[in-house]
Amino acid sequence: MTNFEKWDKEFRAQNLYAFNNNESALLYLKVRAVCRGKQIKQFVEKNGIELTSTKINEQFAELYSIMENTTNGKAMLDTYLCDRNNEWYHTMGVDEEKLKSGLRQINNY
């Protein structure tokens, strides 16, 4: 069983506790966040990655394998996700400071 298959099985079983403090598991979640129609296309173009698969589910497994074997794979994903999230927040009109303040209040309980 590959790491991808292991984490995919845990995710589908909703065993999210298994994802705590595990770098391979966190990589799975980050790649999963990128593996949506537009996002995966933009991510691979931006980072010069070529995928042979044409279906999203197959691209997910393929991209996970590539990122797992790339030295700066996590950094590439982090950069992309931060940029995408900021763009999304601004497009949706989300007040980031208000959101962060609300999250801090939740964490204090």
PDB file of N, CA and C in Angstrom:
ATOM      1  N   MET A   1       0.850  -1.177   0.000  1.00  0.00           N
ATOM      2  CA  MET A   1       0.000   0.000   0.000  1.00  0.00           C
ATOM      3  C   MET A   1       0.897   1.241   0.000  1.00  0.00           C
ATOM      4  N   THR A   2       0.624   2.162  -0.904  1.00  0.00           N
ATOM      5  CA  THR A   2       1.407   3.395  -0.969  1.00  0.00           C
ATOM      6  C   THR A   2       0.952   4.364   0.119  1.00  0.00           C
ATOM      7  N   ASN A   3       1.769   5.394   0.359  1.00  0.00           N
ATOM      8  CA  ASN A   3       1.371   6.417   1.325  1.00  0.00           C
ATOM      9  C   ASN A   3       0.056   7.065   0.900  1.00  0.00           C
ATOM     10  N   PHE A   4      -0.081   7.330  -0.397  1.00  0.00           N
ATOM     11  CA  PHE A   4      -1.314   7.945  -0.886  1.00  0.00           C
ATOM     12  C   PHE A   4      -2.517   7.070  -0.545  1.00  0.00           C
ATOM     13  N   GLU A   5      -2.422   5.787  -0.826  1.00  0.00           N
ATOM     14  CA  GLU A   5      -3.538   4.871  -0.549  1.00  0.00           C
ATOM     15  C   GLU A   5      -3.849   4.818   0.942  1.00  0.00           C
ATOM     16  N   LYS A   6      -2.804   4.821   1.754  1.00  0.00           N
ATOM     17  CA  LYS A   6      -2.993   4.793   3.206  1.00  0.00           C
ATOM     18  C   LYS A   6      -3.779   6.014   3.672  1.00  0.00           C
ATOM     19  N   TRP A   7      -3.341   7.209   3.238  1.00  0.00           N
ATOM     20  CA  TRP A   7      -3.999   8.432   3.702  1.00  0.00           C
ATOM     21  C   TRP A   7      -5.370   8.622   3.065  1.00  0.00           C
ATOM     22  N   ASP A   8      -5.529   8.153   1.849  1.00  0.00           N
ATOM     23  CA  ASP A   8      -6.832   8.233   1.198  1.00  0.00           C
ATOM     24  C   ASP A   8      -7.839   7.358   1.953  1.00  0.00           C
ATOM     25  N   LYS A   9      -7.393   6.187   2.368  1.00  0.00           N
ATOM     26  CA  LYS A   9      -8.246   5.281   3.143  1.00  0.00           C
ATOM     27  C   LYS A   9      -8.637   5.920   4.479  1.00  0.00           C
ATOM     28  N   GLU A  10      -7.651   6.512   5.167  1.00  0.00           N
ATOM     29  CA  GLU A  10      -7.935   7.172   6.458  1.00  0.00           C
ATOM     30  C   GLU A  10      -8.895   8.348   6.276  1.00  0.00           C
ATOM     31  N   PHE A  11      -8.694   9.119   5.219  1.00  0.00           N
ATOM     32  CA  PHE A  11      -9.550  10.279   4.974  1.00  0.00           C
ATOM     33  C   PHE A  11     -10.980   9.834   4.689  1.00  0.00           C
ATOM     34  N   ARG A  12     -11.126   8.831   3.849  1.00  0.00           N
ATOM     35  CA  ARG A  12     -12.469   8.337   3.508  1.00  0.00           C
ATOM     36  C   ARG A  12     -13.170   7.715   4.714  1.00  0.00           C
ATOM     37  N   ALA A  13     -12.402   7.144   5.628  1.00  0.00           N
ATOM     38  CA  ALA A  13     -12.968   6.575   6.860  1.00  0.00           C
ATOM     39  C   ALA A  13     -13.205   7.671   7.903  1.00  0.00           C
ATOM     40  N   GLN A  14     -12.859   8.895   7.571  1.00  0.00           N
ATOM     41  CA  GLN A  14     -12.977  10.061   8.447  1.00  0.00           C
ATOM     42  C   GLN A  14     -12.206   9.883   9.744  1.00  0.00           C
ATOM     43  N   ASN A  15     -11.089   9.195   9.650  1.00  0.00           N
ATOM     44  CA  ASN A  15     -10.197   9.017  10.791  1.00  0.00           C
ATOM     45  C   ASN A  15      -9.185  10.159  10.768  1.00  0.00           C
ATOM     46  N   LEU A  16      -9.648  11.352  11.052  1.00  0.00           N
ATOM     47  CA  LEU A  16      -8.794  12.530  10.951  1.00  0.00           C
ATOM     48  C   LEU A  16      -7.751  12.594  12.056  1.00  0.00           C
ATOM     49  N   TYR A  17      -7.945  11.843  13.120  1.00  0.00           N
ATOM     50  CA  TYR A  17      -6.942  11.780  14.184  1.00  0.00           C
ATOM     51  C   TYR A  17      -5.619  11.254  13.629  1.00  0.00           C
ATOM     52  N   ALA A  18      -5.688  10.368  12.657  1.00  0.00           N
ATOM     53  CA  ALA A  18      -4.482   9.783  12.061  1.00  0.00           C
ATOM     54  C   ALA A  18      -3.624  10.839  11.360  1.00  0.00           C
ATOM     55  N   PHE A  19      -4.201  11.981  11.030  1.00  0.00           N
ATOM     56  CA  PHE A  19      -3.485  13.023  10.300  1.00  0.00           C
ATOM     57  C   PHE A  19      -2.661  13.932  11.214  1.00  0.00           C
ATOM     58  N   ASN A  20      -2.852  13.808  12.517  1.00  0.00           N
ATOM     59  CA  ASN A  20      -2.117  14.653  13.456  1.00  0.00           C
ATOM     60  C   ASN A  20      -0.627  14.330  13.446  1.00  0.00           C
ATOM     61  N   ASN A  21       0.179  15.359  13.351  1.00  0.00           N
ATOM     62  CA  ASN A  21       1.636  15.254  13.492  1.00  0.00           C
ATOM     63  C   ASN A  21       2.293  14.255  12.541  1.00  0.00           C
ATOM     64  N   ASN A  22       1.785  14.144  11.328  1.00  0.00           N
ATOM     65  CA  ASN A  22       2.386  13.253  10.351  1.00  0.00           C
ATOM     66  C   ASN A  22       2.598  14.020   9.054  1.00  0.00           C
ATOM     67  N   GLU A  23       3.855  14.154   8.654  1.00  0.00           N
ATOM     68  CA  GLU A  23       4.192  14.960   7.480  1.00  0.00           C
ATOM     69  C   GLU A  23       3.577  14.418   6.185  1.00  0.00           C
ATOM     70  N   SER A  24       3.556  13.107   6.026  1.00  0.00           N
ATOM     71  CA  SER A  24       2.959  12.509   4.827  1.00  0.00           C
ATOM     72  C   SER A  24       1.462  12.764   4.776  1.00  0.00           C
ATOM     73  N   ALA A  25       0.832  12.724   5.944  1.00  0.00           N
ATOM     74  CA  ALA A  25      -0.605  12.977   6.029  1.00  0.00           C
ATOM     75  C   ALA A  25      -0.916  14.435   5.710  1.00  0.00           C
ATOM     76  N   LEU A  26      -0.096  15.344   6.236  1.00  0.00           N
ATOM     77  CA  LEU A  26      -0.301  16.765   5.944  1.00  0.00           C
ATOM     78  C   LEU A  26      -0.093  17.047   4.470  1.00  0.00           C
ATOM     79  N   LEU A  27       0.869  16.376   3.864  1.00  0.00           N
ATOM     80  CA  LEU A  27       1.092  16.515   2.430  1.00  0.00           C
ATOM     81  C   LEU A  27      -0.153  16.071   1.660  1.00  0.00           C
ATOM     82  N   TYR A  28      -0.746  14.958   2.090  1.00  0.00           N
ATOM     83  CA  TYR A  28      -1.972  14.466   1.458  1.00  0.00           C
ATOM     84  C   TYR A  28      -3.056  15.546   1.491  1.00  0.00           C
ATOM     85  N   LEU A  29      -3.254  16.174   2.650  1.00  0.00           N
ATOM     86  CA  LEU A  29      -4.295  17.194   2.783  1.00  0.00           C
ATOM     87  C   LEU A  29      -4.005  18.420   1.920  1.00  0.00           C
ATOM     88  N   LYS A  30      -2.745  18.798   1.834  1.00  0.00           N
ATOM     89  CA  LYS A  30      -2.379  19.956   1.009  1.00  0.00           C
ATOM     90  C   LYS A  30      -2.589  19.668  -0.470  1.00  0.00           C
ATOM     91  N   VAL A  31      -2.190  18.480  -0.896  1.00  0.00           N
ATOM     92  CA  VAL A  31      -2.394  18.105  -2.304  1.00  0.00           C
ATOM     93  C   VAL A  31      -3.889  18.009  -2.583  1.00  0.00           C
ATOM     94  N   ARG A  32      -4.635  17.480  -1.642  1.00  0.00           N
ATOM     95  CA  ARG A  32      -6.096  17.374  -1.807  1.00  0.00           C
ATOM     96  C   ARG A  32      -6.714  18.760  -2.012  1.00  0.00           C
ATOM     97  N   ALA A  33      -6.211  19.757  -1.290  1.00  0.00           N
ATOM     98  CA  ALA A  33      -6.734  21.115  -1.423  1.00  0.00           C
ATOM     99  C   ALA A  33      -6.472  21.697  -2.811  1.00  0.00           C
ATOM    100  N   VAL A  34      -5.406  21.243  -3.445  1.00  0.00           N
ATOM    101  CA  VAL A  34      -5.040  21.736  -4.775  1.00  0.00           C
ATOM    102  C   VAL A  34      -5.795  20.977  -5.873  1.00  0.00           C
ATOM    103  N   CYS A  35      -6.223  19.771  -5.584  1.00  0.00           N
ATOM    104  CA  CYS A  35      -6.791  18.883  -6.614  1.00  0.00           C
ATOM    105  C   CYS A  35      -8.266  19.139  -6.869  1.00  0.00           C
ATOM    106  N   ARG A  36      -8.506  20.265  -7.448  1.00  0.00           N
ATOM    107  CA  ARG A  36      -9.832  20.629  -7.941  1.00  0.00           C
ATOM    108  C   ARG A  36      -9.593  21.160  -9.347  1.00  0.00           C
ATOM    109  N   GLY A  37     -10.593  21.096 -10.186  1.00  0.00           N
ATOM    110  CA  GLY A  37     -10.459  21.427 -11.604  1.00  0.00           C
ATOM    111  C   GLY A  37      -9.485  22.529 -11.967  1.00  0.00           C
ATOM    112  N   LYS A  38      -9.836  23.763 -11.636  1.00  0.00           N
ATOM    113  CA  LYS A  38      -9.002  24.912 -11.996  1.00  0.00           C
ATOM    114  C   LYS A  38      -7.698  24.945 -11.217  1.00  0.00           C
ATOM    115  N   GLN A  39      -7.774  24.659  -9.927  1.00  0.00           N
ATOM    116  CA  GLN A  39      -6.608  24.784  -9.064  1.00  0.00           C
ATOM    117  C   GLN A  39      -5.475  23.854  -9.481  1.00  0.00           C
ATOM    118  N   ILE A  40      -5.778  22.613  -9.787  1.00  0.00           N
ATOM    119  CA  ILE A  40      -4.706  21.685 -10.141  1.00  0.00           C
ATOM    120  C   ILE A  40      -4.033  22.119 -11.435  1.00  0.00           C
ATOM    121  N   LYS A  41      -4.840  22.582 -12.371  1.00  0.00           N
ATOM    122  CA  LYS A  41      -4.281  23.049 -13.644  1.00  0.00           C
ATOM    123  C   LYS A  41      -3.352  24.248 -13.412  1.00  0.00           C
ATOM    124  N   GLN A  42      -3.806  25.202 -12.606  1.00  0.00           N
ATOM    125  CA  GLN A  42      -2.992  26.378 -12.312  1.00  0.00           C
ATOM    126  C   GLN A  42      -1.730  25.998 -11.547  1.00  0.00           C
ATOM    127  N   PHE A  43      -1.858  25.096 -10.583  1.00  0.00           N
ATOM    128  CA  PHE A  43      -0.711  24.694  -9.773  1.00  0.00           C
ATOM    129  C   PHE A  43       0.367  24.044 -10.624  1.00  0.00           C
ATOM    130  N   VAL A  44      -0.005  23.087 -11.472  1.00  0.00           N
ATOM    131  CA  VAL A  44       1.006  22.395 -12.260  1.00  0.00           C
ATOM    132  C   VAL A  44       1.633  23.318 -13.300  1.00  0.00           C
ATOM    133  N   GLU A  45       0.837  24.218 -13.876  1.00  0.00           N
ATOM    134  CA  GLU A  45       1.394  25.173 -14.836  1.00  0.00           C
ATOM    135  C   GLU A  45       2.380  26.115 -14.160  1.00  0.00           C
ATOM    136  N   LYS A  46       1.985  26.629 -12.998  1.00  0.00           N
ATOM    137  CA  LYS A  46       2.834  27.572 -12.264  1.00  0.00           C
ATOM    138  C   LYS A  46       4.159  26.944 -11.851  1.00  0.00           C
ATOM    139  N   ASN A  47       4.149  25.640 -11.554  1.00  0.00           N
ATOM    140  CA  ASN A  47       5.340  24.976 -11.036  1.00  0.00           C
ATOM    141  C   ASN A  47       6.040  24.076 -12.052  1.00  0.00           C
ATOM    142  N   GLY A  48       5.603  24.136 -13.305  1.00  0.00           N
ATOM    143  CA  GLY A  48       6.260  23.377 -14.370  1.00  0.00           C
ATOM    144  C   GLY A  48       6.175  21.867 -14.188  1.00  0.00           C
ATOM    145  N   ILE A  49       5.040  21.397 -13.702  1.00  0.00           N
ATOM    146  CA  ILE A  49       4.833  19.968 -13.473  1.00  0.00           C
ATOM    147  C   ILE A  49       3.950  19.416 -14.585  1.00  0.00           C
ATOM    148  N   GLU A  50       4.323  18.247 -15.093  1.00  0.00           N
ATOM    149  CA  GLU A  50       3.509  17.597 -16.112  1.00  0.00           C
ATOM    150  C   GLU A  50       2.875  16.351 -15.533  1.00  0.00           C
ATOM    151  N   LEU A  51       1.559  16.256 -15.675  1.00  0.00           N
ATOM    152  CA  LEU A  51       0.824  15.090 -15.217  1.00  0.00           C
ATOM    153  C   LEU A  51       0.384  14.291 -16.440  1.00  0.00           C
ATOM    154  N   THR A  52       0.510  12.979 -16.355  1.00  0.00           N
ATOM    155  CA  THR A  52       0.087  12.135 -17.473  1.00  0.00           C
ATOM    156  C   THR A  52      -1.384  11.767 -17.374  1.00  0.00           C
ATOM    157  N   SER A  53      -1.923  11.764 -16.175  1.00  0.00           N
ATOM    158  CA  SER A  53      -3.326  11.409 -15.955  1.00  0.00           C
ATOM    159  C   SER A  53      -4.246  12.529 -16.421  1.00  0.00           C
ATOM    160  N   THR A  54      -5.454  12.153 -16.804  1.00  0.00           N
ATOM    161  CA  THR A  54      -6.418  13.155 -17.258  1.00  0.00           C
ATOM    162  C   THR A  54      -7.602  13.305 -16.304  1.00  0.00           C
ATOM    163  N   LYS A  55      -7.849  12.301 -15.464  1.00  0.00           N
ATOM    164  CA  LYS A  55      -8.946  12.358 -14.505  1.00  0.00           C
ATOM    165  C   LYS A  55      -8.440  12.925 -13.189  1.00  0.00           C
ATOM    166  N   ILE A  56      -9.262  13.748 -12.538  1.00  0.00           N
ATOM    167  CA  ILE A  56      -8.868  14.427 -11.303  1.00  0.00           C
ATOM    168  C   ILE A  56      -8.386  13.443 -10.239  1.00  0.00           C
ATOM    169  N   ASN A  57      -9.109  12.346 -10.019  1.00  0.00           N
ATOM    170  CA  ASN A  57      -8.706  11.380  -8.979  1.00  0.00           C
ATOM    171  C   ASN A  57      -7.337  10.781  -9.272  1.00  0.00           C
ATOM    172  N   GLU A  58      -7.072  10.493 -10.537  1.00  0.00           N
ATOM    173  CA  GLU A  58      -5.775   9.944 -10.904  1.00  0.00           C
ATOM    174  C   GLU A  58      -4.686  11.018 -10.792  1.00  0.00           C
ATOM    175  N   GLN A  59      -5.039  12.258 -11.142  1.00  0.00           N
ATOM    176  CA  GLN A  59      -4.084  13.363 -11.017  1.00  0.00           C
ATOM    177  C   GLN A  59      -3.733  13.597  -9.555  1.00  0.00           C
ATOM    178  N   PHE A  60      -4.698  13.427  -8.663  1.00  0.00           N
ATOM    179  CA  PHE A  60      -4.484  13.584  -7.236  1.00  0.00           C
ATOM    180  C   PHE A  60      -3.395  12.629  -6.769  1.00  0.00           C
ATOM    181  N   ALA A  61      -3.537  11.349  -7.098  1.00  0.00           N
ATOM    182  CA  ALA A  61      -2.541  10.349  -6.700  1.00  0.00           C
ATOM    183  C   ALA A  61      -1.192  10.638  -7.352  1.00  0.00           C
ATOM    184  N   GLU A  62      -1.200  11.023  -8.619  1.00  0.00           N
ATOM    185  CA  GLU A  62       0.038  11.305  -9.337  1.00  0.00           C
ATOM    186  C   GLU A  62       0.746  12.525  -8.751  1.00  0.00           C
ATOM    187  N   LEU A  63      -0.012  13.579  -8.476  1.00  0.00           N
ATOM    188  CA  LEU A  63       0.583  14.787  -7.909  1.00  0.00           C
ATOM    189  C   LEU A  63       1.112  14.527  -6.498  1.00  0.00           C
ATOM    190  N   TYR A  64       0.396  13.732  -5.718  1.00  0.00           N
ATOM    191  CA  TYR A  64       0.888  13.387  -4.380  1.00  0.00           C
ATOM    192  C   TYR A  64       2.252  12.701  -4.489  1.00  0.00           C
ATOM    193  N   SER A  65       2.361  11.754  -5.390  1.00  0.00           N
ATOM    194  CA  SER A  65       3.618  11.030  -5.577  1.00  0.00           C
ATOM    195  C   SER A  65       4.743  11.978  -5.986  1.00  0.00           C
ATOM    196  N   ILE A  66       4.447  12.894  -6.875  1.00  0.00           N
ATOM    197  CA  ILE A  66       5.453  13.867  -7.326  1.00  0.00           C
ATOM    198  C   ILE A  66       5.880  14.760  -6.158  1.00  0.00           C
ATOM    199  N   MET A  67       4.906  15.277  -5.410  1.00  0.00           N
ATOM    200  CA  MET A  67       5.220  16.174  -4.295  1.00  0.00           C
ATOM    201  C   MET A  67       5.970  15.444  -3.192  1.00  0.00           C
ATOM    202  N   GLU A  68       5.647  14.172  -2.996  1.00  0.00           N
ATOM    203  CA  GLU A  68       6.309  13.360  -1.972  1.00  0.00           C
ATOM    204  C   GLU A  68       7.791  13.172  -2.313  1.00  0.00           C
ATOM    205  N   ASN A  69       8.109  13.163  -3.588  1.00  0.00           N
ATOM    206  CA  ASN A  69       9.480  12.926  -4.036  1.00  0.00           C
ATOM    207  C   ASN A  69      10.197  14.194  -4.498  1.00  0.00           C
ATOM    208  N   THR A  70       9.594  15.350  -4.224  1.00  0.00           N
ATOM    209  CA  THR A  70      10.203  16.631  -4.573  1.00  0.00           C
ATOM    210  C   THR A  70      10.681  17.306  -3.296  1.00  0.00           C
ATOM    211  N   THR A  71      11.924  17.721  -3.292  1.00  0.00           N
ATOM    212  CA  THR A  71      12.518  18.316  -2.094  1.00  0.00           C
ATOM    213  C   THR A  71      11.717  19.495  -1.560  1.00  0.00           C
ATOM    214  N   ASN A  72      11.304  20.385  -2.440  1.00  0.00           N
ATOM    215  CA  ASN A  72      10.573  21.576  -2.008  1.00  0.00           C
ATOM    216  C   ASN A  72       9.073  21.478  -2.299  1.00  0.00           C
ATOM    217  N   GLY A  73       8.550  20.261  -2.376  1.00  0.00           N
ATOM    218  CA  GLY A  73       7.137  20.045  -2.691  1.00  0.00           C
ATOM    219  C   GLY A  73       6.190  20.718  -1.711  1.00  0.00           C
ATOM    220  N   LYS A  74       6.463  20.577  -0.423  1.00  0.00           N
ATOM    221  CA  LYS A  74       5.596  21.192   0.591  1.00  0.00           C
ATOM    222  C   LYS A  74       5.618  22.707   0.491  1.00  0.00           C
ATOM    223  N   ALA A  75       6.798  23.262   0.242  1.00  0.00           N
ATOM    224  CA  ALA A  75       6.911  24.718   0.106  1.00  0.00           C
ATOM    225  C   ALA A  75       6.143  25.205  -1.124  1.00  0.00           C
ATOM    226  N   MET A  76       6.202  24.447  -2.208  1.00  0.00           N
ATOM    227  CA  MET A  76       5.461  24.804  -3.416  1.00  0.00           C
ATOM    228  C   MET A  76       3.952  24.830  -3.130  1.00  0.00           C
ATOM    229  N   LEU A  77       3.482  23.820  -2.428  1.00  0.00           N
ATOM    230  CA  LEU A  77       2.066  23.744  -2.084  1.00  0.00           C
ATOM    231  C   LEU A  77       1.669  24.878  -1.139  1.00  0.00           C
ATOM    232  N   ASP A  78       2.500  25.122  -0.119  1.00  0.00           N
ATOM    233  CA  ASP A  78       2.203  26.187   0.834  1.00  0.00           C
ATOM    234  C   ASP A  78       2.098  27.543   0.133  1.00  0.00           C
ATOM    235  N   THR A  79       3.048  27.823  -0.735  1.00  0.00           N
ATOM    236  CA  THR A  79       3.042  29.096  -1.461  1.00  0.00           C
ATOM    237  C   THR A  79       1.785  29.231  -2.291  1.00  0.00           C
ATOM    238  N   TYR A  80       1.448  28.192  -3.026  1.00  0.00           N
ATOM    239  CA  TYR A  80       0.253  28.233  -3.874  1.00  0.00           C
ATOM    240  C   TYR A  80      -1.010  28.398  -3.039  1.00  0.00           C
ATOM    241  N   LEU A  81      -1.135  27.623  -1.973  1.00  0.00           N
ATOM    242  CA  LEU A  81      -2.346  27.691  -1.155  1.00  0.00           C
ATOM    243  C   LEU A  81      -2.497  29.040  -0.467  1.00  0.00           C
ATOM    244  N   CYS A  82      -1.405  29.605  -0.013  1.00  0.00           N
ATOM    245  CA  CYS A  82      -1.475  30.941   0.604  1.00  0.00           C
ATOM    246  C   CYS A  82      -1.922  31.981  -0.412  1.00  0.00           C
ATOM    247  N   ASP A  83      -1.341  31.939  -1.588  1.00  0.00           N
ATOM    248  CA  ASP A  83      -1.724  32.884  -2.636  1.00  0.00           C
ATOM    249  C   ASP A  83      -3.181  32.700  -3.027  1.00  0.00           C
ATOM    250  N   ARG A  84      -3.625  31.464  -3.208  1.00  0.00           N
ATOM    251  CA  ARG A  84      -5.010  31.190  -3.600  1.00  0.00           C
ATOM    252  C   ARG A  84      -5.971  31.618  -2.499  1.00  0.00           C
ATOM    253  N   ASN A  85      -5.620  31.319  -1.250  1.00  0.00           N
ATOM    254  CA  ASN A  85      -6.513  31.685  -0.161  1.00  0.00           C
ATOM    255  C   ASN A  85      -6.655  33.188  -0.054  1.00  0.00           C
ATOM    256  N   ASN A  86      -5.538  33.901  -0.141  1.00  0.00           N
ATOM    257  CA  ASN A  86      -5.621  35.361  -0.070  1.00  0.00           C
ATOM    258  C   ASN A  86      -6.472  35.902  -1.198  1.00  0.00           C
ATOM    259  N   GLU A  87      -6.291  35.367  -2.395  1.00  0.00           N
ATOM    260  CA  GLU A  87      -7.089  35.801  -3.537  1.00  0.00           C
ATOM    261  C   GLU A  87      -8.569  35.516  -3.282  1.00  0.00           C
ATOM    262  N   TRP A  88      -8.859  34.338  -2.761  1.00  0.00           N
ATOM    263  CA  TRP A  88     -10.244  33.953  -2.501  1.00  0.00           C
ATOM    264  C   TRP A  88     -10.856  34.844  -1.433  1.00  0.00           C
ATOM    265  N   TYR A  89     -10.113  35.080  -0.347  1.00  0.00           N
ATOM    266  CA  TYR A  89     -10.623  35.941   0.712  1.00  0.00           C
ATOM    267  C   TYR A  89     -10.965  37.323   0.180  1.00  0.00           C
ATOM    268  N   HIS A  90     -10.060  37.889  -0.614  1.00  0.00           N
ATOM    269  CA  HIS A  90     -10.291  39.229  -1.130  1.00  0.00           C
ATOM    270  C   HIS A  90     -11.460  39.253  -2.103  1.00  0.00           C
ATOM    271  N   THR A  91     -11.593  38.240  -2.926  1.00  0.00           N
ATOM    272  CA  THR A  91     -12.695  38.169  -3.879  1.00  0.00           C
ATOM    273  C   THR A  91     -14.028  38.062  -3.157  1.00  0.00           C
ATOM    274  N   MET A  92     -14.048  37.287  -2.080  1.00  0.00           N
ATOM    275  CA  MET A  92     -15.286  37.074  -1.338  1.00  0.00           C
ATOM    276  C   MET A  92     -15.559  38.202  -0.333  1.00  0.00           C
ATOM    277  N   GLY A  93     -14.631  39.127  -0.189  1.00  0.00           N
ATOM    278  CA  GLY A  93     -14.820  40.238   0.730  1.00  0.00           C
ATOM    279  C   GLY A  93     -14.659  39.851   2.193  1.00  0.00           C
ATOM    280  N   VAL A  94     -13.859  38.834   2.473  1.00  0.00           N
ATOM    281  CA  VAL A  94     -13.646  38.386   3.853  1.00  0.00           C
ATOM    282  C   VAL A  94     -12.678  39.338   4.558  1.00  0.00           C
ATOM    283  N   ASP A  95     -13.055  39.795   5.728  1.00  0.00           N
ATOM    284  CA  ASP A  95     -12.186  40.635   6.546  1.00  0.00           C
ATOM    285  C   ASP A  95     -11.266  39.706   7.329  1.00  0.00           C
ATOM    286  N   GLU A  96     -10.015  39.586   6.871  1.00  0.00           N
ATOM    287  CA  GLU A  96      -9.084  38.627   7.466  1.00  0.00           C
ATOM    288  C   GLU A  96      -8.825  38.898   8.941  1.00  0.00           C
ATOM    289  N   GLU A  97      -8.690  40.154   9.329  1.00  0.00           N
ATOM    290  CA  GLU A  97      -8.419  40.473  10.734  1.00  0.00           C
ATOM    291  C   GLU A  97      -9.590  40.074  11.623  1.00  0.00           C
ATOM    292  N   LYS A  98     -10.802  40.309  11.145  1.00  0.00           N
ATOM    293  CA  LYS A  98     -11.987  39.922  11.907  1.00  0.00           C
ATOM    294  C   LYS A  98     -12.063  38.399  12.024  1.00  0.00           C
ATOM    295  N   LEU A  99     -11.728  37.709  10.952  1.00  0.00           N
ATOM    296  CA  LEU A  99     -11.720  36.246  10.956  1.00  0.00           C
ATOM    297  C   LEU A  99     -10.687  35.716  11.946  1.00  0.00           C
ATOM    298  N   LYS A 100      -9.475  36.271  11.917  1.00  0.00           N
ATOM    299  CA  LYS A 100      -8.422  35.833  12.833  1.00  0.00           C
ATOM    300  C   LYS A 100      -8.812  36.097  14.283  1.00  0.00           C
ATOM    301  N   SER A 101      -9.429  37.247  14.532  1.00  0.00           N
ATOM    302  CA  SER A 101      -9.868  37.593  15.885  1.00  0.00           C
ATOM    303  C   SER A 101     -10.910  36.581  16.378  1.00  0.00           C
ATOM    304  N   GLY A 102     -11.843  36.227  15.499  1.00  0.00           N
ATOM    305  CA  GLY A 102     -12.867  35.253  15.859  1.00  0.00           C
ATOM    306  C   GLY A 102     -12.260  33.888  16.153  1.00  0.00           C
ATOM    307  N   LEU A 103     -11.267  33.495  15.381  1.00  0.00           N
ATOM    308  CA  LEU A 103     -10.600  32.209  15.601  1.00  0.00           C
ATOM    309  C   LEU A 103      -9.840  32.198  16.926  1.00  0.00           C
ATOM    310  N   ARG A 104      -9.211  33.332  17.255  1.00  0.00           N
ATOM    311  CA  ARG A 104      -8.500  33.409  18.531  1.00  0.00           C
ATOM    312  C   ARG A 104      -9.469  33.247  19.702  1.00  0.00           C
ATOM    313  N   GLN A 105     -10.661  33.843  19.572  1.00  0.00           N
ATOM    314  CA  GLN A 105     -11.658  33.729  20.642  1.00  0.00           C
ATOM    315  C   GLN A 105     -12.084  32.285  20.814  1.00  0.00           C
ATOM    316  N   ILE A 106     -12.240  31.574  19.721  1.00  0.00           N
ATOM    317  CA  ILE A 106     -12.623  30.159  19.792  1.00  0.00           C
ATOM    318  C   ILE A 106     -11.529  29.361  20.487  1.00  0.00           C
ATOM    319  N   ASN A 107     -10.272  29.638  20.132  1.00  0.00           N
ATOM    320  CA  ASN A 107      -9.148  28.901  20.719  1.00  0.00           C
ATOM    321  C   ASN A 107      -8.997  29.150  22.210  1.00  0.00           C
ATOM    322  N   ASN A 108      -9.478  30.289  22.686  1.00  0.00           N
ATOM    323  CA  ASN A 108      -9.353  30.622  24.106  1.00  0.00           C
ATOM    324  C   ASN A 108     -10.380  29.892  24.979  1.00  0.00           C
ATOM    325  N   TYR A 109     -11.387  29.296  24.382  1.00  0.00           N
ATOM    326  CA  TYR A 109     -12.407  28.597  25.176  1.00  0.00           C
ATOM    327  C   TYR A 109     -11.980  27.238  25.562  1.00  0.00           C
TER     328      TYR A 109
END
